[in-house]
Protein backbone atom coordinates (compact mmCIF):
# COMPACT_ATOMS: atom_id res chain seq x y z
CA MET A 1 33.79 -71.85 -101.23
CA ILE A 2 34.12 -75.13 -99.34
CA THR A 3 30.70 -76.18 -100.61
CA TYR A 4 31.77 -75.35 -104.17
CA PHE A 5 34.90 -77.51 -103.94
CA ILE A 6 32.94 -80.42 -102.46
CA LYS A 7 30.38 -80.25 -105.27
CA PHE A 8 33.15 -79.92 -107.86
CA ILE A 9 34.94 -83.02 -106.56
CA LEU A 10 31.79 -85.13 -106.21
CA CYS A 11 30.45 -84.17 -109.63
CA SER A 12 33.79 -84.87 -111.33
CA PHE A 13 33.95 -88.21 -109.49
CA ALA A 14 30.50 -89.25 -110.74
CA LEU A 15 31.34 -88.37 -114.34
CA LEU A 16 34.74 -90.07 -114.21
CA LEU A 17 33.24 -93.19 -112.63
CA PHE A 18 30.68 -93.42 -115.43
CA TYR A 19 33.47 -93.04 -117.98
CA ARG A 20 35.63 -95.76 -116.43
CA LEU A 21 32.73 -98.20 -116.12
CA PHE A 22 30.90 -97.67 -119.40
CA LEU A 23 32.81 -95.57 -121.95
CA GLU A 24 36.56 -96.09 -121.68
CA LYS A 25 36.61 -99.56 -123.24
CA GLU A 26 34.34 -98.67 -126.15
CA LYS A 27 35.63 -97.70 -129.60
CA MET A 28 34.16 -94.20 -129.64
CA HIS A 29 37.30 -92.23 -128.95
CA HIS A 30 36.22 -88.90 -130.49
CA PHE A 31 33.10 -88.94 -128.31
CA ASN A 32 35.19 -89.88 -125.27
CA ARG A 33 37.54 -86.98 -125.92
CA PHE A 34 34.60 -84.58 -125.88
CA TYR A 35 33.11 -86.30 -122.82
CA LEU A 36 36.27 -86.01 -120.70
CA LEU A 37 36.89 -82.35 -121.50
CA ALA A 38 33.21 -81.48 -121.09
CA SER A 39 33.12 -83.35 -117.77
CA ILE A 40 35.80 -81.09 -116.34
CA LEU A 41 34.04 -77.94 -117.55
CA PHE A 42 30.66 -79.25 -116.37
CA SER A 43 31.99 -80.05 -112.89
CA LEU A 44 33.59 -76.60 -112.66
CA THR A 45 30.52 -74.63 -113.71
CA ILE A 46 27.44 -76.52 -112.53
CA PRO A 47 27.94 -75.65 -108.81
CA LEU A 48 27.80 -71.99 -109.88
CA VAL A 49 24.44 -72.36 -111.62
CA SER A 50 21.47 -71.23 -109.51
CA ILE A 51 17.87 -72.37 -109.70
CA GLU A 52 15.06 -70.95 -107.60
CA LEU A 53 12.81 -73.37 -105.74
CA THR A 54 9.66 -72.69 -103.74
CA ASN A 55 8.70 -74.72 -100.71
CA PRO A 56 4.92 -74.86 -100.24
CA GLY A 57 3.69 -73.72 -96.85
CA PRO A 58 0.56 -74.39 -94.78
CA VAL A 59 -2.83 -72.90 -95.59
CA GLU A 60 -3.58 -70.01 -93.23
CA TYR A 61 -5.99 -67.88 -95.25
CA ALA A 62 -9.00 -68.48 -97.45
CA SER A 63 -7.52 -66.50 -100.31
CA VAL A 64 -4.13 -65.19 -101.26
CA VAL A 65 -2.97 -62.36 -103.47
CA GLN A 66 -0.08 -62.38 -105.84
CA LYS A 67 3.08 -61.36 -104.00
CA LEU A 68 4.23 -57.81 -104.61
CA ASN A 69 6.95 -57.54 -107.18
CA THR A 70 8.92 -55.82 -104.47
CA TYR A 71 11.18 -56.35 -101.52
CA PRO A 72 11.94 -54.68 -98.22
CA VAL A 73 12.97 -51.04 -98.52
CA ILE A 74 16.63 -50.66 -99.36
CA ASN A 75 17.76 -47.11 -98.84
CA PRO A 76 21.49 -46.68 -99.34
CA GLU A 77 21.42 -43.44 -97.35
CA SER A 78 19.94 -45.03 -94.27
CA SER A 79 20.99 -48.66 -94.46
CA SER A 80 23.89 -49.48 -92.19
CA ILE A 81 26.47 -52.13 -92.90
CA ILE A 82 28.17 -53.45 -89.83
CA ALA A 83 31.53 -55.13 -90.14
CA ALA A 84 31.91 -58.63 -88.83
CA SER A 85 33.40 -58.48 -85.37
CA PRO A 86 35.80 -61.41 -84.96
CA THR A 87 35.17 -63.74 -82.10
CA SER A 88 38.90 -64.20 -81.78
CA SER A 89 42.02 -62.95 -83.51
CA ALA A 90 42.98 -66.53 -84.38
CA ALA A 91 39.71 -67.12 -86.21
CA ASN A 92 40.08 -63.81 -87.99
CA ASN A 93 43.62 -64.63 -89.13
CA LEU A 94 42.54 -68.08 -90.31
CA GLU A 95 40.12 -66.41 -92.69
CA TYR A 96 43.10 -64.99 -94.58
CA ILE A 97 45.71 -67.68 -93.96
CA ILE A 98 43.87 -70.52 -95.70
CA PRO A 99 43.10 -68.58 -98.93
CA GLY A 100 46.65 -67.23 -98.85
CA MET A 101 48.15 -70.72 -98.63
CA TYR A 102 45.88 -71.90 -101.44
CA ALA A 103 46.98 -68.98 -103.61
CA VAL A 104 50.67 -69.72 -102.96
CA VAL A 105 50.30 -73.38 -103.98
CA THR A 106 48.33 -72.35 -107.08
CA PHE A 107 51.03 -69.85 -108.02
CA LEU A 108 53.81 -72.43 -107.65
CA LEU A 109 51.96 -75.04 -109.71
CA THR A 110 51.15 -72.51 -112.41
CA LEU A 111 54.78 -71.38 -112.45
CA ARG A 112 55.91 -74.98 -112.86
CA LEU A 113 53.50 -75.40 -115.78
CA ILE A 114 54.87 -72.28 -117.47
CA LEU A 115 58.46 -73.43 -116.97
CA ASN A 116 57.70 -76.87 -118.43
CA PHE A 117 55.98 -75.24 -121.38
CA ASN A 118 58.94 -72.95 -121.94
CA THR A 119 61.42 -75.85 -121.64
CA LEU A 120 59.68 -77.78 -124.39
CA LEU A 121 59.55 -74.78 -126.70
CA ASN A 122 63.24 -74.10 -126.09
CA LYS A 123 64.10 -77.59 -127.33
CA LYS A 124 63.56 -76.44 -130.91
CA LYS A 125 65.86 -73.42 -130.65
CA GLY A 126 68.97 -73.84 -132.76
CA LYS A 127 67.76 -77.21 -134.04
CA THR A 128 67.11 -78.29 -137.61
CA LEU A 129 63.42 -78.00 -138.56
CA ILE A 130 61.94 -80.02 -141.41
CA ASP A 131 58.44 -79.54 -142.83
CA TYR A 132 56.47 -82.74 -142.46
CA HIS A 133 52.91 -82.64 -143.79
CA GLN A 134 51.08 -80.21 -141.46
CA SER A 135 53.79 -80.21 -138.78
CA LYS A 136 57.48 -79.61 -138.31
CA LEU A 137 60.08 -82.21 -137.41
CA VAL A 138 62.60 -81.05 -134.80
CA LEU A 139 65.88 -82.97 -135.06
CA LEU A 140 67.45 -83.42 -131.61
CA THR A 141 71.02 -84.51 -131.02
CA GLU A 142 70.26 -86.18 -127.68
CA GLU A 143 68.83 -89.67 -127.44
CA VAL A 144 65.07 -89.27 -127.08
CA THR A 145 61.91 -91.21 -127.79
CA THR A 146 59.87 -89.61 -130.54
CA PHE A 147 57.20 -87.31 -129.11
CA SER A 148 54.99 -84.43 -130.22
CA PHE A 149 54.12 -81.05 -128.72
CA LEU A 150 51.87 -78.44 -130.30
CA ASN A 151 52.82 -78.39 -134.00
CA TYR A 152 56.21 -80.04 -133.53
CA ILE A 153 57.38 -83.66 -133.67
CA PHE A 154 60.68 -84.19 -131.85
CA VAL A 155 62.89 -87.00 -133.15
CA ASN A 156 66.49 -88.14 -132.73
CA GLU A 157 68.47 -86.68 -135.63
CA LYS A 158 70.76 -89.68 -136.09
CA LEU A 159 67.93 -92.21 -136.15
CA PHE A 160 65.90 -90.04 -138.51
CA ARG A 161 68.70 -89.52 -141.03
CA GLU A 162 69.59 -93.22 -140.98
CA GLY A 163 65.94 -94.13 -141.62
CA HIS A 164 65.44 -96.02 -138.36
CA ILE A 165 62.25 -94.14 -137.39
CA LYS A 166 59.34 -96.09 -138.82
CA PRO A 167 56.61 -94.31 -140.84
CA GLU A 168 54.02 -95.67 -138.39
CA ILE A 169 55.70 -93.79 -135.55
CA LEU A 170 55.70 -90.51 -137.46
CA THR A 171 52.08 -91.05 -138.52
CA HIS A 172 51.15 -91.67 -134.88
CA GLU A 173 52.75 -88.40 -133.73
CA LEU A 174 51.35 -86.54 -136.73
CA ALA A 175 47.86 -87.60 -135.61
CA HIS A 176 48.53 -86.01 -132.20
CA VAL A 177 49.55 -82.79 -133.95
CA GLN A 178 46.67 -82.69 -136.42
CA GLN A 179 44.07 -83.42 -133.74
CA LYS A 180 45.64 -80.80 -131.41
CA HIS A 181 45.96 -83.13 -128.44
CA THR A 182 48.47 -80.80 -126.77
CA LEU A 183 45.70 -78.27 -126.19
CA ASP A 184 43.72 -80.87 -124.23
CA LEU A 185 46.74 -81.56 -122.03
CA LEU A 186 47.48 -77.87 -121.49
CA PHE A 187 43.87 -77.27 -120.50
CA THR A 188 43.94 -80.17 -118.03
CA GLU A 189 47.27 -79.06 -116.56
CA LEU A 190 46.02 -75.49 -116.12
CA VAL A 191 42.83 -76.62 -114.38
CA SER A 192 44.90 -78.94 -112.18
CA ALA A 193 47.19 -76.06 -111.21
CA VAL A 194 44.32 -73.79 -110.20
CA PHE A 195 42.05 -76.46 -108.70
CA TRP A 196 44.78 -78.72 -107.32
CA ILE A 197 42.56 -79.49 -104.35
CA ASN A 198 40.64 -81.93 -106.58
CA PRO A 199 42.77 -85.12 -106.77
CA LEU A 200 40.54 -86.56 -109.49
CA LEU A 201 42.01 -84.20 -112.08
CA HIS A 202 45.12 -86.40 -112.12
CA PHE A 203 42.96 -89.35 -113.20
CA TYR A 204 41.25 -87.20 -115.81
CA LYS A 205 44.64 -86.37 -117.28
CA LYS A 206 45.56 -90.07 -117.44
CA ALA A 207 42.24 -90.91 -119.10
CA ILE A 208 42.64 -88.09 -121.63
CA THR A 209 46.21 -89.17 -122.42
CA LEU A 210 45.16 -92.78 -122.97
CA ASN A 211 42.29 -91.70 -125.21
CA HIS A 212 44.73 -89.59 -127.24
CA GLU A 213 46.79 -92.72 -127.85
CA PHE A 214 43.68 -94.59 -128.98
CA LEU A 215 42.92 -91.81 -131.45
CA ALA A 216 46.47 -91.74 -132.80
CA ASP A 217 46.57 -95.54 -133.07
CA GLY A 218 43.35 -95.41 -135.06
CA ALA A 219 44.92 -92.93 -137.47
CA VAL A 220 47.91 -95.26 -137.95
CA LEU A 221 45.78 -98.35 -138.56
CA ASN A 222 43.67 -96.46 -141.10
CA GLN A 223 46.85 -96.00 -143.14
CA PHE A 224 48.79 -99.15 -142.24
CA GLU A 225 46.45 -102.11 -141.98
CA ASN A 226 48.90 -104.62 -140.48
CA VAL A 227 47.84 -104.54 -136.83
CA GLN A 228 50.28 -107.21 -135.71
CA ASN A 229 53.33 -105.40 -137.09
CA TYR A 230 52.24 -102.16 -135.41
CA GLN A 231 51.78 -103.93 -132.08
CA LEU A 232 55.31 -105.33 -132.28
CA LEU A 233 56.58 -101.87 -133.12
CA LEU A 234 54.91 -100.47 -130.00
CA LEU A 235 56.50 -103.10 -127.80
CA ASP A 236 59.89 -102.26 -129.24
CA ASN A 237 59.49 -98.51 -128.74
CA VAL A 238 58.19 -98.77 -125.20
CA LEU A 239 61.66 -99.88 -124.12
CA HIS A 240 62.96 -96.38 -124.97
CA ALA A 241 60.39 -94.42 -123.00
CA LYS A 242 62.19 -91.22 -122.07
CA GLN A 243 59.39 -88.69 -122.20
CA ALA A 244 59.05 -84.97 -121.47
CA ASN A 245 56.06 -83.66 -119.55
CA LEU A 246 53.05 -82.23 -121.45
CA THR A 247 53.89 -84.35 -124.50
CA SER A 248 52.36 -87.24 -126.39
CA SER A 249 54.59 -90.29 -126.66
CA PHE A 250 54.85 -94.02 -126.02
CA ASN A 251 54.53 -95.16 -122.41
CA TYR A 252 54.67 -98.62 -120.93
CA SER A 253 51.80 -98.05 -118.46
CA ILE A 254 49.24 -97.60 -121.22
CA THR A 255 50.66 -99.89 -123.92
CA LYS A 256 48.67 -102.91 -122.74
CA ASN A 257 45.36 -101.07 -123.08
CA ARG A 258 46.36 -99.80 -126.50
CA LEU A 259 47.18 -103.30 -127.73
CA ILE A 260 43.82 -104.60 -126.53
CA MET A 261 41.89 -101.70 -128.08
CA MET A 262 43.41 -102.30 -131.53
CA THR A 263 41.67 -105.66 -131.86
CA LYS A 264 38.49 -104.83 -129.97
CA ASN A 265 35.07 -104.93 -131.65
CA SER A 266 32.26 -102.76 -130.24
CA ASN A 267 28.52 -103.41 -130.24
CA ARG A 268 27.02 -100.49 -132.18
CA THR A 269 23.64 -100.68 -130.43
CA LEU A 270 25.26 -100.74 -127.00
CA THR A 271 27.51 -97.84 -127.95
CA VAL A 272 24.55 -95.69 -129.04
CA LEU A 273 22.71 -96.58 -125.83
CA LYS A 274 25.65 -95.50 -123.68
CA LYS A 275 25.91 -92.21 -125.55
CA GLY A 276 22.20 -91.64 -124.94
CA ILE A 277 22.63 -92.07 -121.20
CA VAL A 278 25.14 -89.21 -121.00
CA PRO A 279 22.56 -86.36 -121.38
CA LEU A 280 20.36 -87.99 -118.73
CA LEU A 281 23.35 -88.33 -116.41
CA SER A 282 24.27 -84.69 -116.98
CA PHE A 283 20.73 -83.54 -116.25
CA GLY A 284 20.58 -85.56 -113.04
CA LEU A 285 23.94 -84.28 -111.81
CA ALA A 286 22.93 -80.72 -112.67
CA LEU A 287 19.89 -81.03 -110.41
CA ILE A 288 21.99 -82.50 -107.62
CA PHE A 289 24.98 -80.15 -107.68
CA CYS A 290 23.54 -76.83 -108.87
CA GLU A 291 22.97 -73.98 -106.42
CA LYS A 292 19.43 -74.19 -105.07
CA ILE A 293 17.84 -70.94 -103.92
CA TYR A 294 14.75 -71.43 -101.82
CA SER A 295 12.22 -68.64 -101.97
CA GLN A 296 10.05 -68.01 -98.95
CA ASN A 297 6.92 -70.06 -98.51
CA THR A 298 3.63 -69.00 -100.05
CA PRO A 299 0.37 -70.35 -98.60
CA LYS A 300 -1.26 -72.93 -100.87
CA THR A 301 -4.76 -71.54 -101.35
CA THR A 302 -7.28 -70.73 -104.06
CA VAL A 303 -7.36 -67.16 -105.34
CA SER A 304 -10.82 -65.89 -106.14
CA LYS A 305 -9.59 -62.53 -107.43
CA VAL A 306 -6.05 -61.25 -107.63
CA GLN A 307 -5.45 -57.66 -106.56
CA PRO A 308 -3.50 -55.33 -108.87
CA ILE A 309 0.24 -55.49 -108.51
CA VAL A 310 2.15 -52.45 -107.28
CA LYS A 311 5.46 -51.82 -109.03
CA PRO A 312 8.02 -50.12 -106.80
CA GLU A 313 9.48 -46.74 -107.72
CA GLU A 314 13.25 -46.66 -107.92
CA GLY A 315 13.61 -49.91 -106.05
CA LYS A 316 11.53 -48.76 -103.03
CA THR A 317 8.40 -50.33 -101.68
CA PRO A 318 5.84 -48.14 -99.88
CA VAL A 319 5.31 -49.68 -96.48
CA ASP A 320 3.86 -48.56 -93.19
CA SER A 321 6.49 -46.33 -91.59
CA ALA A 322 5.56 -47.61 -88.16
CA ASN A 323 6.23 -51.15 -89.26
CA PRO A 324 8.52 -51.21 -92.31
CA LYS A 325 10.53 -54.26 -91.44
CA TYR A 326 8.39 -57.22 -92.42
CA PRO A 327 6.63 -56.61 -95.76
CA ARG A 328 5.99 -60.29 -96.55
CA ALA A 329 3.03 -60.64 -98.90
CA LEU A 330 -0.10 -58.65 -99.69
CA TYR A 331 -3.08 -60.90 -99.07
CA ALA A 332 -6.39 -60.47 -100.87
CA GLN A 333 -8.71 -59.25 -98.17
CA LYS A 334 -12.14 -60.69 -97.66
CA SER A 335 -14.85 -58.28 -98.69
CA GLY A 336 -18.28 -57.56 -97.24
CA SER A 337 -21.55 -56.16 -98.41
CA GLY A 338 -20.12 -52.64 -98.56
CA LEU A 339 -19.99 -49.46 -96.46
CA SER A 340 -22.29 -46.49 -96.74
CA LEU A 341 -21.02 -43.26 -98.28
CA ASP A 342 -20.76 -41.67 -94.82
CA GLN A 343 -18.76 -44.64 -93.54
CA ILE A 344 -16.41 -44.39 -96.53
CA ARG A 345 -15.90 -40.67 -95.86
CA GLU A 346 -15.23 -41.35 -92.19
CA PHE A 347 -12.71 -44.03 -93.17
CA GLU A 348 -10.91 -41.62 -95.51
CA ASP A 349 -11.01 -38.76 -92.97
CA ILE A 350 -9.34 -40.94 -90.33
CA LEU A 351 -6.76 -42.04 -92.87
CA GLU A 352 -6.02 -38.46 -93.92
CA LYS A 353 -5.82 -37.28 -90.30
CA HIS A 354 -3.05 -39.80 -89.58
CA THR A 355 -1.08 -39.14 -92.77
CA ASN A 356 2.07 -37.01 -92.76
CA TYR A 357 3.44 -35.53 -95.98
CA THR A 358 7.21 -35.36 -96.43
CA THR A 359 9.20 -34.22 -99.47
CA ASN A 360 12.51 -35.87 -100.24
CA LYS A 361 15.56 -34.37 -101.94
CA LYS A 362 14.24 -35.30 -105.38
CA GLY A 363 11.03 -33.36 -104.83
CA ARG A 364 8.89 -36.43 -104.40
CA THR A 365 6.19 -36.28 -101.74
CA ASP A 366 5.70 -39.37 -99.61
CA ARG A 367 2.54 -40.02 -97.61
CA ILE A 368 3.45 -41.67 -94.33
CA VAL A 369 0.67 -43.18 -92.24
CA ARG A 370 1.10 -43.15 -88.47
CA MET A 371 -1.60 -44.50 -86.17
CA PRO A 372 -1.83 -46.65 -83.03
CA PRO A 373 -2.08 -50.44 -83.51
CA ALA A 374 -5.61 -50.55 -82.12
CA LEU A 375 -6.80 -47.96 -84.64
CA LYS A 376 -5.09 -49.83 -87.48
CA ASP A 377 -6.97 -52.96 -86.46
CA GLN A 378 -10.24 -50.99 -86.63
CA MET A 379 -9.35 -49.59 -90.05
CA TYR A 380 -8.55 -53.07 -91.32
CA GLU A 381 -11.88 -54.36 -90.00
CA ARG A 382 -13.72 -51.56 -91.83
CA TYR A 383 -11.76 -52.25 -95.00
CA THR A 384 -12.82 -55.92 -94.97
CA ARG A 385 -16.46 -54.82 -94.74
CA MET A 386 -16.13 -52.88 -98.00
CA ASP A 387 -17.30 -54.57 -101.17
CA LYS A 388 -14.84 -55.36 -103.95
CA GLU A 389 -15.55 -52.18 -105.87
CA GLN A 390 -14.99 -49.99 -102.81
CA GLN A 391 -11.73 -51.82 -102.03
CA GLN A 392 -10.63 -51.31 -105.62
CA GLN A 393 -11.34 -47.57 -105.38
CA GLN A 394 -9.20 -47.30 -102.26
CA PHE A 395 -6.43 -49.24 -103.94
CA ASP A 396 -6.58 -46.95 -106.98
CA GLN A 397 -6.09 -43.98 -104.63
CA GLY A 398 -2.82 -45.50 -103.43
CA LEU A 399 -3.98 -47.32 -100.30
CA ILE A 400 -2.40 -50.62 -99.37
CA ILE A 401 -3.79 -52.30 -96.30
CA MET A 402 -3.11 -55.86 -95.25
CA GLN A 403 -2.82 -58.09 -92.23
CA MET A 404 0.39 -60.08 -91.88
CA ASP A 405 0.75 -63.68 -90.74
CA ILE A 406 1.30 -64.41 -87.10
CA PRO A 407 5.09 -64.94 -86.90
CA VAL A 408 6.11 -68.60 -86.75
CA LYS A 409 9.65 -69.86 -86.31
CA LYS A 410 11.02 -71.73 -89.31
CA ALA A 411 14.73 -72.51 -89.48
CA PRO A 412 16.42 -73.00 -92.87
CA THR A 413 17.97 -76.28 -93.92
CA PRO A 414 21.77 -76.65 -93.67
CA GLU A 415 22.02 -76.56 -97.47
CA MET A 416 20.06 -73.33 -97.70
CA PHE A 417 22.21 -71.77 -94.98
CA GLU A 418 25.43 -72.66 -96.82
CA ASN A 419 24.04 -71.26 -100.09
CA TRP A 420 23.43 -67.89 -98.46
CA LYS A 421 27.16 -67.34 -97.94
CA ARG A 422 27.64 -66.40 -101.60
CA PRO A 423 28.01 -62.59 -101.77
CA THR A 424 27.42 -62.48 -105.54
CA VAL A 425 23.96 -64.00 -105.09
CA PHE A 426 22.68 -62.86 -101.69
CA GLY A 427 22.71 -59.59 -99.77
CA ILE A 428 22.33 -60.43 -96.08
CA TRP A 429 20.39 -58.55 -93.40
CA ILE A 430 20.51 -60.04 -89.89
CA ASN A 431 18.08 -58.58 -87.38
CA ASP A 432 17.37 -55.60 -89.69
CA LYS A 433 21.05 -54.69 -90.23
CA GLN A 434 23.02 -55.37 -93.39
CA VAL A 435 26.10 -57.47 -92.77
CA PRO A 436 28.79 -59.13 -94.89
CA ASN A 437 28.00 -62.69 -95.95
CA SER A 438 30.97 -63.87 -93.89
CA GLU A 439 28.98 -62.92 -90.79
CA LEU A 440 26.99 -66.12 -91.31
CA ASP A 441 30.09 -68.08 -90.30
CA LYS A 442 29.35 -67.02 -86.72
CA TYR A 443 25.96 -68.71 -86.79
CA LYS A 444 24.53 -72.17 -87.25
CA TYR A 445 21.49 -72.77 -89.43
CA SER A 446 19.50 -73.56 -86.27
CA ASP A 447 20.23 -70.05 -84.92
CA ILE A 448 17.92 -68.59 -87.58
CA ALA A 449 14.27 -68.37 -86.57
CA GLU A 450 12.90 -66.73 -89.71
CA TYR A 451 14.06 -65.85 -93.22
CA ASP A 452 12.57 -63.71 -95.96
CA LEU A 453 13.99 -63.92 -99.50
CA SER A 454 13.18 -61.32 -102.15
CA LYS A 455 14.47 -61.09 -105.71
CA LEU A 456 15.67 -57.67 -106.86
CA TYR A 457 14.55 -56.18 -110.15
CA GLY A 458 15.42 -53.21 -112.33
CA ALA A 459 16.75 -50.18 -110.49
CA ALA A 460 17.09 -52.15 -107.26
CA LEU A 461 20.01 -54.07 -108.83
CA LYS A 462 21.98 -50.88 -109.45
CA GLY A 463 25.24 -50.76 -107.55
CA ARG A 464 24.75 -54.22 -106.06
CA ILE A 465 26.53 -57.45 -106.96
CA TYR A 466 23.82 -59.65 -105.44
CA LYS A 467 20.49 -60.62 -106.99
CA TYR A 468 18.53 -61.47 -103.86
CA GLN A 469 17.96 -59.68 -100.56
CA LEU A 470 17.74 -62.02 -97.62
CA ASN A 471 16.37 -60.87 -94.26
CA LEU A 472 17.17 -63.13 -91.33
CA LEU A 473 15.96 -63.06 -87.75
CA THR A 474 17.84 -64.88 -85.04
CA ASN A 475 15.97 -66.74 -82.31
CA ASP A 476 16.77 -64.07 -79.73
CA HIS A 477 15.59 -61.23 -81.95
CA PHE A 478 12.48 -63.17 -82.95
CA ASP A 479 11.54 -63.67 -79.29
CA LYS A 480 12.33 -60.07 -78.45
CA THR A 481 10.15 -58.60 -81.20
CA TYR A 482 7.39 -61.22 -81.26
CA GLU A 483 4.78 -59.35 -79.19
CA GLU A 484 5.35 -56.09 -81.07
CA ARG A 485 4.98 -57.83 -84.43
CA VAL A 486 1.77 -59.56 -83.39
CA LEU A 487 0.44 -56.23 -82.12
CA ASN A 488 1.36 -54.51 -85.40
CA ARG A 489 0.14 -57.13 -87.85
CA VAL A 490 -1.92 -54.62 -89.82
CA ILE A 491 0.09 -52.67 -92.39
CA ILE A 492 -1.32 -49.44 -93.82
CA SER A 493 0.56 -47.61 -96.54
CA ARG A 494 -0.17 -44.89 -99.07
CA THR A 495 1.86 -44.48 -102.25
CA TRP A 496 3.85 -41.33 -102.96
CA LEU A 497 2.52 -38.24 -104.77
CA PRO A 498 4.20 -36.34 -107.62
CA LYS A 499 4.00 -33.16 -105.55
CA ALA A 500 2.67 -32.03 -102.18
CA PRO A 501 -1.03 -31.07 -102.06
């Protein structure tokens, strides 16, 4: 969440800076209105967008096979989820105190917004309402500067009936009503109440308010062409600036900019150029602030022939039961000149001798291969002496045999490590045990020796809120299991059967 807020603030800062430097002083107020509102939405959403990146790894084999469209076995009946054990009660309490405090502040700010909204609506109760073009005039008895809110224009009753409110003023407020500027302000106020941690939203509101005044001034000058008279009228009205919150009205702090904008001439070519830069800026910021998901490395090699791809059944991948924990990638094995028929039969007899058949609750029969590491190495050596046709025949019979990489430590980057804390994107396994994503708070990125990222498909997504399964090994666990993993590099697996033989 901290990473999200940082990206939100930085992205909104970049967009606001571009606006202040290049767009604010140009006469393209309708475009600027869209830009400011879109900038807030863009900054809110782009940190939530995920893109998958692949980091190329070193060449370790002469050929490589397409990675299985699978992932480590996820069995809900056997997988254990261990709760995060707090290192201290203070740290555990802090995990709830900070979000709680944030929620309280958000609630109070939202409540204030609702009360202000209700106060403005109550101003029209019991007051005289007069239809005025596409709005309603609300005649107030108290002394007040003319302002608009939603579909209402609030004016002082005495001044209105005596004809002291100039048509330019009413046209100005009518423009606010017709262009629905109140909705922009309500949106900005609501975002500010929920994401109050971003101080830049205050400056967005000021920029949006000023742009609203530019738009309303433009509507007035389209109808009343005497710019000088309108400027004098503004200076006169700014002396009576008693304004309610959430409203459009005259304000001394922005009058100077309004007066300058009325007589400003814009370069059309330069204006078009600046508009054209906006999509490029958005694309660049999207690449910088989006969520980057790094898939595990794949050796950069040339593939002479890609083996068939095995689709998992019901989200499960058939792996060697003696070594089910590290199903990285299925490499295309080198082939030889071929084995004799007797050698093939001997190979299959040994395989059958070390296969156990088990039937699960659904009636499916699994073939589980169990053999010593030394024998698996011999079987792999025989398999690599088969020609391509013989290897294909074995594969068609459900045999998967491969030799895994020698384990090498590779720590993630700090950015990758922070990304993994999102429970809606990643399911986390640390040292072969599923844990909550918050468990990562107890580690540093340098504590991770190895990571394996797999995307879930189809049935594997059922009942899970995350899209990726991430298996992590700590340095201690990596060192502890290193010799065993090197010894058991060969994986032999046979796919399940519809029924027992």
